[in-house]
Amino acid sequence: MAVRGYILIETEVGKAKSVSAAIQNFSYPGARLINVDTVTGPFDVIAQVEADDLDSLGNAITEAIQKVNGVQRTTTCLAVRLA
């Protein structure tokens, strides 16, 4: 079953636009970018990513998103289905 995460990204000062643009070109096996927005508040960019499984999501974050130039820190919120 696919998993979805919201990746809350803090960037270096003045890097929000370039980080957002770089993440628009996100590519990682087993993971797909759903949406990316530059936002105001405690975070600078929020990306919505869907992956085949939790390991694929985690690897996409640590091996692709966190390596984008200007990314300082990420916080991931997993989407859940509450019954």
Protein backbone atom coordinates (compact mmCIF):
# COMPACT_ATOMS: atom_id res chain seq x y z
CA MET A 1 0.00 0.00 0.00
CA ALA A 2 1.34 3.44 -0.92
CA VAL A 3 2.24 5.89 1.83
CA ARG A 4 2.04 9.67 1.66
CA GLY A 5 4.12 12.17 3.55
CA TYR A 6 4.21 15.92 3.91
CA ILE A 7 7.84 17.02 4.05
CA LEU A 8 8.15 20.33 5.93
CA ILE A 9 11.41 21.94 4.83
CA GLU A 10 13.46 24.67 6.49
CA THR A 11 15.92 26.32 4.12
CA GLU A 12 18.93 28.58 4.45
CA VAL A 13 18.03 32.27 4.37
CA GLY A 14 17.22 33.35 0.83
CA LYS A 15 17.11 29.79 -0.56
CA ALA A 16 13.36 28.99 -0.42
CA LYS A 17 12.76 29.76 -4.11
CA SER A 18 15.71 27.70 -5.37
CA VAL A 19 14.91 24.78 -3.04
CA SER A 20 11.29 24.78 -4.21
CA ALA A 21 12.40 24.84 -7.86
CA ALA A 22 14.88 22.01 -7.31
CA ILE A 23 12.26 19.85 -5.60
CA GLN A 24 9.91 20.43 -8.58
CA ASN A 25 12.42 18.26 -10.48
CA PHE A 26 12.36 15.57 -7.76
CA SER A 27 12.96 12.05 -8.98
CA TYR A 28 13.53 8.94 -6.89
CA PRO A 29 12.71 5.28 -7.62
CA GLY A 30 9.53 4.18 -5.87
CA ALA A 31 8.49 7.74 -4.91
CA ARG A 32 6.47 10.44 -6.66
CA LEU A 33 6.18 14.15 -6.01
CA ILE A 34 2.51 15.09 -5.64
CA ASN A 35 2.91 18.80 -4.90
CA VAL A 36 5.40 21.37 -3.69
CA ASP A 37 4.61 24.81 -2.28
CA THR A 38 6.72 27.67 -1.00
CA VAL A 39 5.02 28.85 2.19
CA THR A 40 5.27 31.39 5.00
CA GLY A 41 5.67 30.54 8.66
CA PRO A 42 8.16 28.32 10.48
CA PHE A 43 8.78 26.26 7.32
CA ASP A 44 9.80 27.55 3.91
CA VAL A 45 8.74 24.74 1.57
CA ILE A 46 6.25 21.90 1.92
CA ALA A 47 6.42 18.91 -0.42
CA GLN A 48 3.82 16.17 -0.65
CA VAL A 49 5.39 12.86 -1.67
CA GLU A 50 3.80 9.46 -2.23
CA ALA A 51 5.89 6.29 -2.16
CA ASP A 52 5.44 2.55 -2.60
CA ASP A 53 6.28 1.93 1.06
CA LEU A 54 7.70 3.64 4.15
CA ASP A 55 11.29 2.66 3.36
CA SER A 56 11.03 4.16 -0.13
CA LEU A 57 9.64 7.38 1.35
CA GLY A 58 12.40 7.58 3.93
CA ASN A 59 15.10 6.94 1.35
CA ALA A 60 13.63 9.54 -1.02
CA ILE A 61 13.76 12.11 1.77
CA THR A 62 17.28 11.34 2.98
CA GLU A 63 18.86 10.62 -0.40
CA ALA A 64 17.11 13.22 -2.58
CA ILE A 65 15.26 16.00 -0.72
CA GLN A 66 17.76 16.50 2.11
CA LYS A 67 20.61 16.70 -0.42
CA VAL A 68 19.10 19.68 -2.26
CA ASN A 69 21.39 22.67 -1.90
CA GLY A 70 19.92 25.05 0.69
CA VAL A 71 17.90 22.51 2.69
CA GLN A 72 18.74 22.85 6.39
CA ARG A 73 16.21 20.57 8.07
CA THR A 74 13.17 18.45 7.27
CA THR A 75 10.23 17.30 9.33
CA THR A 76 8.02 14.57 7.89
CA CYS A 77 4.33 14.15 8.69
CA LEU A 78 2.81 10.87 7.50
CA ALA A 79 -0.76 10.82 6.24
CA VAL A 80 -2.92 8.25 8.04
CA ARG A 81 -6.40 6.85 7.51
CA LEU A 82 -8.37 7.01 10.73
CA ALA A 83 -11.29 4.62 10.87
